Protein backbone atom coordinates (compact mmCIF):
# COMPACT_ATOMS: atom_id res chain seq x y z
CA MET A 1 -13.67 93.04 -307.99
CA ILE A 2 -12.39 96.04 -309.92
CA ILE A 3 -14.16 97.09 -313.11
CA ALA A 4 -12.65 99.59 -315.53
CA ASP A 5 -15.62 100.43 -317.75
CA ASP A 6 -15.18 102.35 -321.02
CA THR A 7 -18.81 102.01 -322.07
CA PRO A 8 -20.11 105.15 -323.84
CA THR A 9 -21.80 107.57 -321.44
CA GLU A 10 -25.23 107.25 -323.06
CA VAL A 11 -25.41 103.49 -322.24
CA TYR A 12 -23.20 103.35 -319.13
CA LYS A 13 -24.87 101.87 -316.05
CA GLN A 14 -23.60 102.33 -312.51
CA LEU A 15 -23.66 99.07 -310.54
CA ASP A 16 -25.88 98.78 -307.49
CA LEU A 17 -23.30 99.12 -304.71
CA GLU A 18 -25.74 97.80 -302.10
CA LYS A 19 -26.09 94.59 -304.10
CA TYR A 20 -22.34 94.42 -304.93
CA PRO A 21 -20.54 96.11 -302.01
CA THR A 22 -17.11 94.64 -302.81
CA VAL A 23 -17.10 95.81 -306.44
CA ARG A 24 -15.28 98.99 -307.44
CA GLN A 25 -16.44 100.33 -310.80
CA TYR A 26 -14.47 103.08 -312.53
CA GLN A 27 -16.01 104.96 -315.44
CA MET A 28 -13.35 105.66 -318.04
CA PRO A 29 -13.51 107.87 -321.11
CA PRO A 30 -15.70 106.18 -323.74
CA HIS A 31 -13.92 103.60 -325.92
CA SER A 32 -10.57 104.13 -324.16
CA GLY A 33 -9.85 100.44 -324.60
CA TRP A 34 -8.55 97.44 -322.72
CA PHE A 35 -4.99 98.69 -322.39
CA ALA A 36 -6.04 101.82 -320.50
CA GLY A 37 -8.57 99.78 -318.54
CA ARG A 38 -5.94 97.26 -317.52
CA GLY A 39 -3.65 100.03 -316.30
CA LEU A 40 -6.43 101.63 -314.27
CA ALA A 41 -7.59 98.33 -312.77
CA ILE A 42 -4.08 97.14 -311.86
CA SER A 43 -3.32 100.48 -310.21
CA GLN A 44 -6.19 99.79 -307.79
CA VAL A 45 -5.11 96.24 -306.76
CA LYS A 46 -4.18 95.96 -303.11
CA THR A 47 -3.97 92.15 -302.81
CA GLU A 48 -1.10 89.69 -303.24
CA PHE A 49 -2.66 88.11 -306.35
CA PHE A 50 -5.10 89.28 -308.98
CA LEU A 51 -6.96 87.61 -311.83
CA TRP A 52 -7.23 89.65 -315.01
CA MET A 53 -10.36 88.97 -317.09
CA ASP A 54 -11.91 90.73 -320.03
CA ASP A 55 -15.66 90.90 -320.67
CA ASP A 56 -15.58 87.77 -322.85
CA PHE A 57 -13.78 85.52 -320.32
CA VAL A 58 -15.75 83.03 -318.27
CA VAL A 59 -14.96 81.26 -314.99
CA GLU A 60 -16.56 77.83 -315.01
CA LYS A 61 -16.78 74.95 -312.53
CA THR A 62 -13.69 73.42 -314.15
CA THR A 63 -11.63 76.60 -313.73
CA ASP A 64 -8.95 75.68 -311.20
CA LEU A 65 -7.87 78.98 -309.63
CA GLU A 66 -6.24 77.17 -306.71
CA HIS A 67 -3.95 75.37 -309.15
CA MET A 68 -2.95 78.70 -310.68
CA VAL A 69 -2.03 80.04 -307.22
CA GLU A 70 -0.02 76.85 -306.53
CA ILE A 71 1.96 77.42 -309.74
CA ILE A 72 2.78 81.00 -308.74
CA GLU A 73 3.78 79.99 -305.22
CA ASN A 74 5.87 76.97 -306.32
CA THR A 75 7.63 78.47 -309.34
CA GLY A 76 8.08 82.13 -308.50
CA TYR A 77 6.47 83.17 -311.80
CA ASP A 78 4.87 86.60 -311.73
CA VAL A 79 2.38 86.02 -314.54
CA ILE A 80 0.55 82.88 -315.63
CA ALA A 81 -2.42 82.34 -317.94
CA GLY A 82 -5.29 79.97 -318.46
CA VAL A 83 -6.42 78.21 -321.62
CA LEU A 84 -8.63 79.64 -324.31
CA GLU A 85 -10.71 76.79 -325.65
CA LYS A 86 -12.35 76.64 -329.05
CA ASP A 87 -14.17 73.87 -330.86
CA ASP A 88 -11.47 73.64 -333.51
CA ASP A 89 -7.68 73.61 -333.24
CA SER A 90 -7.09 77.18 -334.45
CA TRP A 91 -5.48 78.15 -331.13
CA ALA A 92 -2.97 75.30 -331.48
CA LYS A 93 -1.12 77.16 -334.24
CA PHE A 94 0.12 79.77 -331.76
CA ASN A 95 3.27 79.20 -329.74
CA ASN A 96 2.58 78.95 -326.04
CA PHE A 97 4.14 78.06 -322.73
CA ASP A 98 2.11 75.33 -321.09
CA ILE A 99 2.29 74.10 -317.50
CA THR A 100 0.10 71.11 -316.83
CA ARG A 101 -0.42 68.87 -313.85
């Protein structure tokens, strides 16, 4: 896991690396934003695939990461996305590209 953290210095907390030895946390300038964080995090990726998540994304039991990998391997797409779910249909008004089983 790679974390690009732009939390202000006065509230920033370094992760316990003994408890989370596979996590790499990078302290960025305060409030530098998700765009800069994404660039920093992606520059550190050394694996074939990566999953980009922001701090308000959640992986649940129903999240099918294997299916996402299958899509990449079978279609040749470089980027795919999951679904943002809300209780109402406000997301339905946006155009989207949907691949379903």
